[in-house]
Amino acid sequence: MSQSCHYAYGNIEYDEKLYPSAKRSFESCLSIAHTDNPTHPITAAAYYSLGCVEFEMGNTEPALGFLAKARNIAELRSPARDDGTIARILWKIAMVLKNQPSGMSVKDAQEADQLLARAYVAKAALTGTGEAGEGEIYDLDRREAMTEMDKEEESFDLLVPGYFR
């Protein structure tokens, strides 16, 4: 099975909140992608997705580790500016820092604030130039059930190509 298939299965499992299964799928994607294409967008996306899975499972340190790897690849691919992928990763790292089960240290709070500021500046620039994707959740029941954080995450998801959301 290809890296893309594992990634797609991981996304389906993640959406269904089947986190252990999603983790296995993203790890399978990553094992192929990292070997064949260590700086490919799907490699960064797999690391990002693993970070999201770990965060949902309450594993802060692994989540931050995977998100750091995704960030490294994204910044390598876009060294001159913060593109949508970078903005999305920065926002997610900030959310992990702010929502740690053990609470947030002063250092983590400062880092989260800096990352959020950078993410929002990038998002505004991308939206202003028309580079940000557009989209709306048309399922009204789903939309009404979304928290403000879910809506904010959705706005950052729209900064990356649809396949990598």
N, C-alpha and C. Protein backbone atom coordinates (compact mmCIF):
# COMPACT_ATOMS: atom_id res chain seq x y z
N MET A 1 0.84 -1.17 0.00
CA MET A 1 0.00 0.00 0.00
C MET A 1 0.89 1.24 0.00
N SER A 2 0.49 2.27 -0.68
CA SER A 2 1.31 3.47 -0.81
C SER A 2 1.16 4.38 0.40
N GLN A 3 2.10 5.32 0.50
CA GLN A 3 2.06 6.29 1.60
C GLN A 3 0.76 7.09 1.57
N SER A 4 0.29 7.40 0.37
CA SER A 4 -0.94 8.19 0.25
C SER A 4 -2.15 7.43 0.78
N CYS A 5 -2.20 6.12 0.52
CA CYS A 5 -3.32 5.32 1.03
C CYS A 5 -3.30 5.26 2.55
N HIS A 6 -2.13 5.04 3.13
CA HIS A 6 -2.02 5.02 4.59
C HIS A 6 -2.43 6.37 5.17
N TYR A 7 -2.02 7.44 4.51
CA TYR A 7 -2.37 8.78 4.99
C TYR A 7 -3.89 8.99 4.93
N ALA A 8 -4.50 8.58 3.83
CA ALA A 8 -5.95 8.74 3.68
C ALA A 8 -6.70 7.91 4.73
N TYR A 9 -6.26 6.68 4.95
CA TYR A 9 -6.89 5.85 5.98
C TYR A 9 -6.73 6.50 7.36
N GLY A 10 -5.55 7.04 7.62
CA GLY A 10 -5.32 7.71 8.90
C GLY A 10 -6.28 8.87 9.10
N ASN A 11 -6.53 9.63 8.05
CA ASN A 11 -7.46 10.76 8.15
C ASN A 11 -8.88 10.29 8.45
N ILE A 12 -9.28 9.23 7.80
CA ILE A 12 -10.62 8.68 8.04
C ILE A 12 -10.73 8.20 9.49
N GLU A 13 -9.73 7.46 9.93
CA GLU A 13 -9.75 6.94 11.31
C GLU A 13 -9.69 8.07 12.33
N TYR A 14 -8.92 9.10 12.03
CA TYR A 14 -8.84 10.26 12.92
C TYR A 14 -10.20 10.94 13.03
N ASP A 15 -10.86 11.15 11.89
CA ASP A 15 -12.18 11.79 11.90
C ASP A 15 -13.20 10.96 12.68
N GLU A 16 -13.01 9.65 12.69
CA GLU A 16 -13.91 8.76 13.43
C GLU A 16 -13.46 8.56 14.88
N LYS A 17 -12.43 9.30 15.28
CA LYS A 17 -11.87 9.25 16.64
C LYS A 17 -11.32 7.88 17.00
N LEU A 18 -10.85 7.16 16.00
CA LEU A 18 -10.19 5.87 16.20
C LEU A 18 -8.69 6.13 16.27
N TYR A 19 -8.25 6.78 17.34
CA TYR A 19 -6.90 7.31 17.43
C TYR A 19 -5.80 6.26 17.36
N PRO A 20 -5.91 5.13 18.05
CA PRO A 20 -4.82 4.13 17.92
C PRO A 20 -4.67 3.62 16.48
N SER A 21 -5.78 3.42 15.81
CA SER A 21 -5.74 2.96 14.42
C SER A 21 -5.20 4.07 13.50
N ALA A 22 -5.62 5.29 13.75
CA ALA A 22 -5.12 6.42 12.96
C ALA A 22 -3.61 6.56 13.14
N LYS A 23 -3.17 6.38 14.37
CA LYS A 23 -1.74 6.46 14.65
C LYS A 23 -0.96 5.43 13.85
N ARG A 24 -1.46 4.20 13.80
CA ARG A 24 -0.79 3.15 13.02
C ARG A 24 -0.75 3.50 11.54
N SER A 25 -1.84 4.04 11.03
CA SER A 25 -1.89 4.41 9.61
C SER A 25 -0.90 5.53 9.30
N PHE A 26 -0.87 6.54 10.14
CA PHE A 26 0.07 7.65 9.92
C PHE A 26 1.52 7.18 10.07
N GLU A 27 1.76 6.28 11.01
CA GLU A 27 3.11 5.74 11.16
C GLU A 27 3.52 4.94 9.93
N SER A 28 2.58 4.19 9.34
CA SER A 28 2.87 3.44 8.12
C SER A 28 3.16 4.39 6.97
N CYS A 29 2.38 5.44 6.87
CA CYS A 29 2.63 6.47 5.85
C CYS A 29 4.02 7.05 6.03
N LEU A 30 4.33 7.37 7.27
CA LEU A 30 5.61 8.01 7.57
C LEU A 30 6.79 7.08 7.29
N SER A 31 6.63 5.80 7.57
CA SER A 31 7.74 4.88 7.33
C SER A 31 8.10 4.81 5.85
N ILE A 32 7.10 4.94 5.00
CA ILE A 32 7.35 4.95 3.55
C ILE A 32 7.85 6.33 3.12
N ALA A 33 7.14 7.37 3.55
CA ALA A 33 7.44 8.73 3.12
C ALA A 33 8.82 9.18 3.59
N HIS A 34 9.16 8.86 4.81
CA HIS A 34 10.44 9.31 5.35
C HIS A 34 11.60 8.68 4.60
N THR A 35 11.44 7.43 4.19
CA THR A 35 12.49 6.74 3.44
C THR A 35 12.61 7.28 2.02
N ASP A 36 11.48 7.42 1.35
CA ASP A 36 11.47 7.83 -0.06
C ASP A 36 11.56 9.34 -0.26
N ASN A 37 10.91 10.09 0.60
CA ASN A 37 10.78 11.54 0.42
C ASN A 37 10.83 12.26 1.77
N PRO A 38 11.99 12.36 2.39
CA PRO A 38 12.03 12.92 3.75
C PRO A 38 11.58 14.37 3.88
N THR A 39 11.60 15.13 2.79
CA THR A 39 11.15 16.53 2.88
C THR A 39 9.90 16.80 2.04
N HIS A 40 9.22 15.75 1.63
CA HIS A 40 7.99 15.88 0.85
C HIS A 40 6.86 16.41 1.74
N PRO A 41 5.91 17.14 1.18
CA PRO A 41 4.79 17.64 1.99
C PRO A 41 4.04 16.53 2.73
N ILE A 42 3.95 15.34 2.15
CA ILE A 42 3.22 14.27 2.85
C ILE A 42 3.98 13.81 4.09
N THR A 43 5.30 13.94 4.08
CA THR A 43 6.08 13.59 5.27
C THR A 43 5.76 14.57 6.39
N ALA A 44 5.75 15.85 6.06
CA ALA A 44 5.38 16.87 7.05
C ALA A 44 3.94 16.67 7.51
N ALA A 45 3.05 16.34 6.59
CA ALA A 45 1.65 16.12 6.94
C ALA A 45 1.48 14.91 7.85
N ALA A 46 2.25 13.86 7.61
CA ALA A 46 2.17 12.67 8.47
C ALA A 46 2.66 13.00 9.88
N TYR A 47 3.76 13.73 9.98
CA TYR A 47 4.24 14.16 11.30
C TYR A 47 3.19 15.04 12.00
N TYR A 48 2.61 15.98 11.25
CA TYR A 48 1.57 16.85 11.81
C TYR A 48 0.40 16.01 12.33
N SER A 49 -0.04 15.07 11.52
CA SER A 49 -1.18 14.24 11.90
C SER A 49 -0.87 13.38 13.12
N LEU A 50 0.34 12.85 13.18
CA LEU A 50 0.74 12.10 14.37
C LEU A 50 0.73 13.00 15.61
N GLY A 51 1.16 14.23 15.44
CA GLY A 51 1.10 15.19 16.54
C GLY A 51 -0.33 15.42 17.00
N CYS A 52 -1.24 15.53 16.04
CA CYS A 52 -2.65 15.72 16.38
C CYS A 52 -3.21 14.51 17.11
N VAL A 53 -2.87 13.32 16.64
CA VAL A 53 -3.34 12.08 17.28
C VAL A 53 -2.83 12.01 18.72
N GLU A 54 -1.53 12.24 18.88
CA GLU A 54 -0.96 12.18 20.23
C GLU A 54 -1.61 13.21 21.15
N PHE A 55 -1.88 14.38 20.64
CA PHE A 55 -2.54 15.42 21.43
C PHE A 55 -3.92 14.95 21.85
N GLU A 56 -4.68 14.39 20.93
CA GLU A 56 -6.02 13.89 21.24
C GLU A 56 -5.98 12.76 22.26
N MET A 57 -4.89 11.99 22.27
CA MET A 57 -4.74 10.89 23.21
C MET A 57 -4.16 11.36 24.55
N GLY A 58 -3.89 12.66 24.67
CA GLY A 58 -3.39 13.22 25.91
C GLY A 58 -1.89 13.10 26.11
N ASN A 59 -1.16 12.86 25.03
CA ASN A 59 0.29 12.68 25.09
C ASN A 59 1.00 13.93 24.57
N THR A 60 1.20 14.88 25.47
CA THR A 60 1.72 16.19 25.09
C THR A 60 3.13 16.14 24.50
N GLU A 61 4.04 15.47 25.18
CA GLU A 61 5.44 15.46 24.72
C GLU A 61 5.60 14.84 23.34
N PRO A 62 5.01 13.65 23.09
CA PRO A 62 5.12 13.11 21.72
C PRO A 62 4.45 14.03 20.69
N ALA A 63 3.32 14.64 21.08
CA ALA A 63 2.64 15.56 20.16
C ALA A 63 3.56 16.70 19.76
N LEU A 64 4.21 17.30 20.75
CA LEU A 64 5.11 18.41 20.46
C LEU A 64 6.31 17.95 19.62
N GLY A 65 6.80 16.75 19.88
CA GLY A 65 7.91 16.20 19.10
C GLY A 65 7.55 16.03 17.63
N PHE A 66 6.39 15.43 17.38
CA PHE A 66 5.96 15.24 15.99
C PHE A 66 5.70 16.58 15.30
N LEU A 67 5.07 17.50 16.01
CA LEU A 67 4.80 18.81 15.42
C LEU A 67 6.09 19.57 15.13
N ALA A 68 7.11 19.39 15.96
CA ALA A 68 8.42 20.03 15.70
C ALA A 68 9.03 19.47 14.43
N LYS A 69 8.90 18.17 14.21
CA LYS A 69 9.43 17.56 12.98
C LYS A 69 8.67 18.08 11.76
N ALA A 70 7.36 18.20 11.88
CA ALA A 70 6.56 18.75 10.77
C ALA A 70 6.99 20.19 10.49
N ARG A 71 7.20 20.94 11.54
CA ARG A 71 7.61 22.35 11.40
C ARG A 71 8.97 22.45 10.71
N ASN A 72 9.91 21.59 11.10
CA ASN A 72 11.24 21.62 10.48
C ASN A 72 11.16 21.39 8.98
N ILE A 73 10.37 20.42 8.57
CA ILE A 73 10.22 20.13 7.13
C ILE A 73 9.54 21.30 6.44
N ALA A 74 8.48 21.82 7.03
CA ALA A 74 7.74 22.92 6.41
C ALA A 74 8.62 24.16 6.26
N GLU A 75 9.42 24.46 7.28
CA GLU A 75 10.29 25.63 7.19
C GLU A 75 11.44 25.41 6.22
N LEU A 76 11.86 24.18 6.05
CA LEU A 76 12.86 23.86 5.05
C LEU A 76 12.29 24.06 3.65
N ARG A 77 11.04 23.70 3.47
CA ARG A 77 10.37 23.83 2.17
C ARG A 77 9.99 25.28 1.85
N SER A 78 9.80 26.08 2.87
CA SER A 78 9.41 27.48 2.67
C SER A 78 10.28 28.37 3.55
N PRO A 79 11.55 28.52 3.17
CA PRO A 79 12.49 29.24 4.05
C PRO A 79 12.30 30.76 4.09
N ALA A 80 11.67 31.32 3.09
CA ALA A 80 11.61 32.77 3.00
C ALA A 80 10.36 33.38 3.65
N ARG A 81 9.35 32.57 3.91
CA ARG A 81 8.12 33.11 4.49
C ARG A 81 7.33 32.02 5.18
N ASP A 82 6.39 32.43 5.99
CA ASP A 82 5.50 31.49 6.66
C ASP A 82 4.32 31.23 5.72
N ASP A 83 4.31 30.04 5.14
CA ASP A 83 3.20 29.67 4.27
C ASP A 83 2.07 29.07 5.10
N GLY A 84 1.04 28.57 4.44
CA GLY A 84 -0.11 28.03 5.15
C GLY A 84 0.22 26.83 6.01
N THR A 85 1.11 25.99 5.52
CA THR A 85 1.50 24.81 6.29
C THR A 85 2.19 25.23 7.59
N ILE A 86 3.09 26.18 7.49
CA ILE A 86 3.79 26.65 8.68
C ILE A 86 2.81 27.30 9.66
N ALA A 87 1.94 28.15 9.16
CA ALA A 87 0.97 28.82 10.03
C ALA A 87 0.11 27.80 10.78
N ARG A 88 -0.34 26.79 10.08
CA ARG A 88 -1.17 25.75 10.69
C ARG A 88 -0.41 25.00 11.77
N ILE A 89 0.83 24.66 11.50
CA ILE A 89 1.65 23.94 12.48
C ILE A 89 1.91 24.82 13.70
N LEU A 90 2.24 26.09 13.49
CA LEU A 90 2.49 27.01 14.61
C LEU A 90 1.25 27.12 15.50
N TRP A 91 0.09 27.22 14.87
CA TRP A 91 -1.16 27.32 15.63
C TRP A 91 -1.37 26.06 16.47
N LYS A 92 -1.14 24.90 15.88
CA LYS A 92 -1.37 23.63 16.59
C LYS A 92 -0.38 23.48 17.75
N ILE A 93 0.88 23.83 17.53
CA ILE A 93 1.85 23.77 18.63
C ILE A 93 1.39 24.66 19.78
N ALA A 94 0.92 25.85 19.46
CA ALA A 94 0.44 26.76 20.50
C ALA A 94 -0.74 26.16 21.25
N MET A 95 -1.64 25.49 20.54
CA MET A 95 -2.80 24.87 21.20
C MET A 95 -2.36 23.73 22.12
N VAL A 96 -1.38 22.97 21.69
CA VAL A 96 -0.88 21.88 22.55
C VAL A 96 -0.25 22.48 23.80
N LEU A 97 0.55 23.52 23.62
CA LEU A 97 1.18 24.17 24.78
C LEU A 97 0.14 24.73 25.74
N LYS A 98 -0.91 25.34 25.20
CA LYS A 98 -1.93 25.97 26.04
C LYS A 98 -2.86 24.97 26.71
N ASN A 99 -2.95 23.77 26.18
CA ASN A 99 -3.92 22.80 26.68
C ASN A 99 -3.27 21.55 27.27
N GLN A 100 -2.14 21.72 27.89
CA GLN A 100 -1.46 20.60 28.52
C GLN A 100 -2.24 20.15 29.75
N PRO A 101 -2.38 18.84 29.95
CA PRO A 101 -3.10 18.35 31.12
C PRO A 101 -2.47 18.81 32.44
N SER A 102 -1.15 18.95 32.46
CA SER A 102 -0.47 19.33 33.69
C SER A 102 -0.43 20.85 33.90
N GLY A 103 -1.00 21.59 32.99
CA GLY A 103 -0.96 23.04 33.09
C GLY A 103 0.19 23.61 32.28
N MET A 104 0.18 24.90 32.15
CA MET A 104 1.14 25.57 31.29
C MET A 104 2.11 26.39 32.13
N SER A 105 3.40 26.24 31.84
CA SER A 105 4.41 27.04 32.52
C SER A 105 4.44 28.44 31.91
N VAL A 106 5.09 29.34 32.58
CA VAL A 106 5.23 30.71 32.07
C VAL A 106 5.98 30.69 30.74
N LYS A 107 7.01 29.87 30.66
CA LYS A 107 7.79 29.76 29.42
C LYS A 107 6.91 29.24 28.28
N ASP A 108 6.10 28.21 28.56
CA ASP A 108 5.20 27.67 27.54
C ASP A 108 4.16 28.70 27.12
N ALA A 109 3.66 29.48 28.07
CA ALA A 109 2.67 30.52 27.76
C ALA A 109 3.27 31.57 26.84
N GLN A 110 4.50 31.98 27.13
CA GLN A 110 5.17 32.96 26.28
C GLN A 110 5.41 32.41 24.88
N GLU A 111 5.88 31.17 24.82
CA GLU A 111 6.12 30.55 23.51
C GLU A 111 4.82 30.41 22.74
N ALA A 112 3.76 29.98 23.40
CA ALA A 112 2.46 29.84 22.74
C ALA A 112 1.98 31.18 22.18
N ASP A 113 2.13 32.24 22.95
CA ASP A 113 1.71 33.57 22.50
C ASP A 113 2.52 34.02 21.28
N GLN A 114 3.83 33.76 21.29
CA GLN A 114 4.67 34.12 20.15
C GLN A 114 4.28 33.32 18.90
N LEU A 115 4.04 32.03 19.08
CA LEU A 115 3.65 31.19 17.94
C LEU A 115 2.30 31.62 17.38
N LEU A 116 1.36 31.93 18.28
CA LEU A 116 0.04 32.38 17.82
C LEU A 116 0.14 33.69 17.05
N ALA A 117 0.92 34.61 17.56
CA ALA A 117 1.08 35.89 16.86
C ALA A 117 1.63 35.67 15.46
N ARG A 118 2.65 34.84 15.35
CA ARG A 118 3.24 34.54 14.05
C ARG A 118 2.24 33.83 13.13
N ALA A 119 1.47 32.89 13.70
CA ALA A 119 0.48 32.16 12.90
C ALA A 119 -0.61 33.10 12.38
N TYR A 120 -1.08 34.00 13.23
CA TYR A 120 -2.13 34.93 12.81
C TYR A 120 -1.64 35.93 11.78
N VAL A 121 -0.40 36.37 11.90
CA VAL A 121 0.17 37.28 10.89
C VAL A 121 0.24 36.55 9.53
N ALA A 122 0.71 35.32 9.55
CA ALA A 122 0.80 34.55 8.30
C ALA A 122 -0.59 34.31 7.72
N LYS A 123 -1.54 33.96 8.57
CA LYS A 123 -2.91 33.72 8.10
C LYS A 123 -3.50 34.97 7.46
N ALA A 124 -3.29 36.12 8.09
CA ALA A 124 -3.81 37.38 7.53
C ALA A 124 -3.17 37.69 6.19
N ALA A 125 -1.87 37.46 6.09
CA ALA A 125 -1.17 37.73 4.83
C ALA A 125 -1.67 36.80 3.73
N LEU A 126 -1.83 35.55 4.05
CA LEU A 126 -2.29 34.57 3.06
C LEU A 126 -3.73 34.84 2.64
N THR A 127 -4.55 35.22 3.59
CA THR A 127 -5.94 35.54 3.28
C THR A 127 -6.02 36.81 2.45
N GLY A 128 -5.18 37.78 2.80
CA GLY A 128 -5.17 39.05 2.08
C GLY A 128 -4.72 38.94 0.64
N THR A 129 -3.86 37.98 0.35
CA THR A 129 -3.39 37.80 -1.02
C THR A 129 -4.20 36.76 -1.80
N GLY A 130 -5.20 36.19 -1.15
CA GLY A 130 -6.04 35.20 -1.81
C GLY A 130 -5.43 33.81 -1.86
N GLU A 131 -4.34 33.58 -1.13
CA GLU A 131 -3.70 32.26 -1.14
C GLU A 131 -4.40 31.27 -0.23
N ALA A 132 -5.16 31.76 0.73
CA ALA A 132 -5.85 30.86 1.66
C ALA A 132 -7.04 30.24 0.97
N GLY A 133 -7.25 28.99 1.26
CA GLY A 133 -8.41 28.30 0.70
C GLY A 133 -9.69 28.81 1.32
N GLU A 134 -10.74 28.63 0.59
CA GLU A 134 -12.03 29.03 1.11
C GLU A 134 -12.83 27.77 1.39
N GLY A 135 -13.72 27.90 2.30
CA GLY A 135 -14.55 26.75 2.60
C GLY A 135 -15.48 27.06 3.75
N GLU A 136 -16.50 26.28 3.82
CA GLU A 136 -17.48 26.46 4.87
C GLU A 136 -18.04 25.08 5.16
N ILE A 137 -18.40 24.87 6.40
CA ILE A 137 -19.02 23.61 6.77
C ILE A 137 -20.50 23.74 6.48
N TYR A 138 -20.96 22.96 5.51
CA TYR A 138 -22.34 23.07 5.08
C TYR A 138 -23.29 22.19 5.89
N ASP A 139 -22.76 21.24 6.61
CA ASP A 139 -23.57 20.40 7.49
C ASP A 139 -23.88 21.24 8.74
N LEU A 140 -25.10 21.77 8.80
CA LEU A 140 -25.46 22.71 9.87
C LEU A 140 -25.39 22.07 11.25
N ASP A 141 -25.74 20.79 11.36
CA ASP A 141 -25.65 20.13 12.67
C ASP A 141 -24.20 20.06 13.13
N ARG A 142 -23.30 19.72 12.22
CA ARG A 142 -21.88 19.66 12.56
C ARG A 142 -21.37 21.05 12.92
N ARG A 143 -21.76 22.02 12.14
CA ARG A 143 -21.31 23.39 12.36
C ARG A 143 -21.76 23.92 13.72
N GLU A 144 -23.01 23.64 14.09
CA GLU A 144 -23.52 24.10 15.38
C GLU A 144 -22.83 23.40 16.54
N ALA A 145 -22.39 22.16 16.32
CA ALA A 145 -21.75 21.40 17.39
C ALA A 145 -20.28 21.77 17.58
N MET A 146 -19.73 22.53 16.65
CA MET A 146 -18.31 22.88 16.72
C MET A 146 -18.06 23.92 17.81
N THR A 147 -16.96 23.71 18.53
CA THR A 147 -16.53 24.70 19.52
C THR A 147 -15.82 25.82 18.78
N GLU A 148 -15.55 26.90 19.49
CA GLU A 148 -14.80 28.00 18.88
C GLU A 148 -13.41 27.53 18.47
N MET A 149 -12.81 26.65 19.28
CA MET A 149 -11.48 26.13 18.93
C MET A 149 -11.55 25.30 17.65
N ASP A 150 -12.63 24.51 17.49
CA ASP A 150 -12.80 23.73 16.26
C ASP A 150 -12.92 24.65 15.05
N LYS A 151 -13.66 25.72 15.20
CA LYS A 151 -13.83 26.67 14.10
C LYS A 151 -12.50 27.35 13.76
N GLU A 152 -11.73 27.68 14.80
CA GLU A 152 -10.43 28.30 14.58
C GLU A 152 -9.49 27.32 13.88
N GLU A 153 -9.52 26.06 14.31
CA GLU A 153 -8.68 25.05 13.67
C GLU A 153 -9.08 24.89 12.21
N GLU A 154 -10.36 24.89 11.94
CA GLU A 154 -10.85 24.79 10.57
C GLU A 154 -10.30 25.94 9.72
N SER A 155 -10.23 27.14 10.29
CA SER A 155 -9.72 28.29 9.53
C SER A 155 -8.24 28.12 9.19
N PHE A 156 -7.48 27.46 10.06
CA PHE A 156 -6.07 27.19 9.76
C PHE A 156 -5.93 26.01 8.81
N ASP A 157 -6.85 25.05 8.90
CA ASP A 157 -6.82 23.92 7.96
C ASP A 157 -7.00 24.41 6.52
N LEU A 158 -7.76 25.47 6.36
CA LEU A 158 -8.01 25.99 5.01
C LEU A 158 -6.78 26.65 4.39
N LEU A 159 -5.72 26.79 5.17
CA LEU A 159 -4.49 27.38 4.64
C LEU A 159 -3.63 26.37 3.90
N VAL A 160 -3.98 25.10 3.98
CA VAL A 160 -3.19 24.06 3.31
C VAL A 160 -4.04 23.38 2.24
N PRO A 161 -3.40 22.77 1.25
CA PRO A 161 -4.16 22.07 0.21
C PRO A 161 -5.09 21.02 0.82
N GLY A 162 -6.23 20.85 0.21
CA GLY A 162 -7.27 19.98 0.73
C GLY A 162 -6.82 18.58 1.11
N TYR A 163 -5.94 18.00 0.33
CA TYR A 163 -5.50 16.64 0.62
C TYR A 163 -4.78 16.53 1.96
N PHE A 164 -4.11 17.58 2.37
CA PHE A 164 -3.30 17.54 3.59
C PHE A 164 -4.06 18.02 4.83
N ARG A 165 -5.37 18.20 4.71
CA ARG A 165 -6.16 18.66 5.87
C ARG A 165 -6.53 17.52 6.75
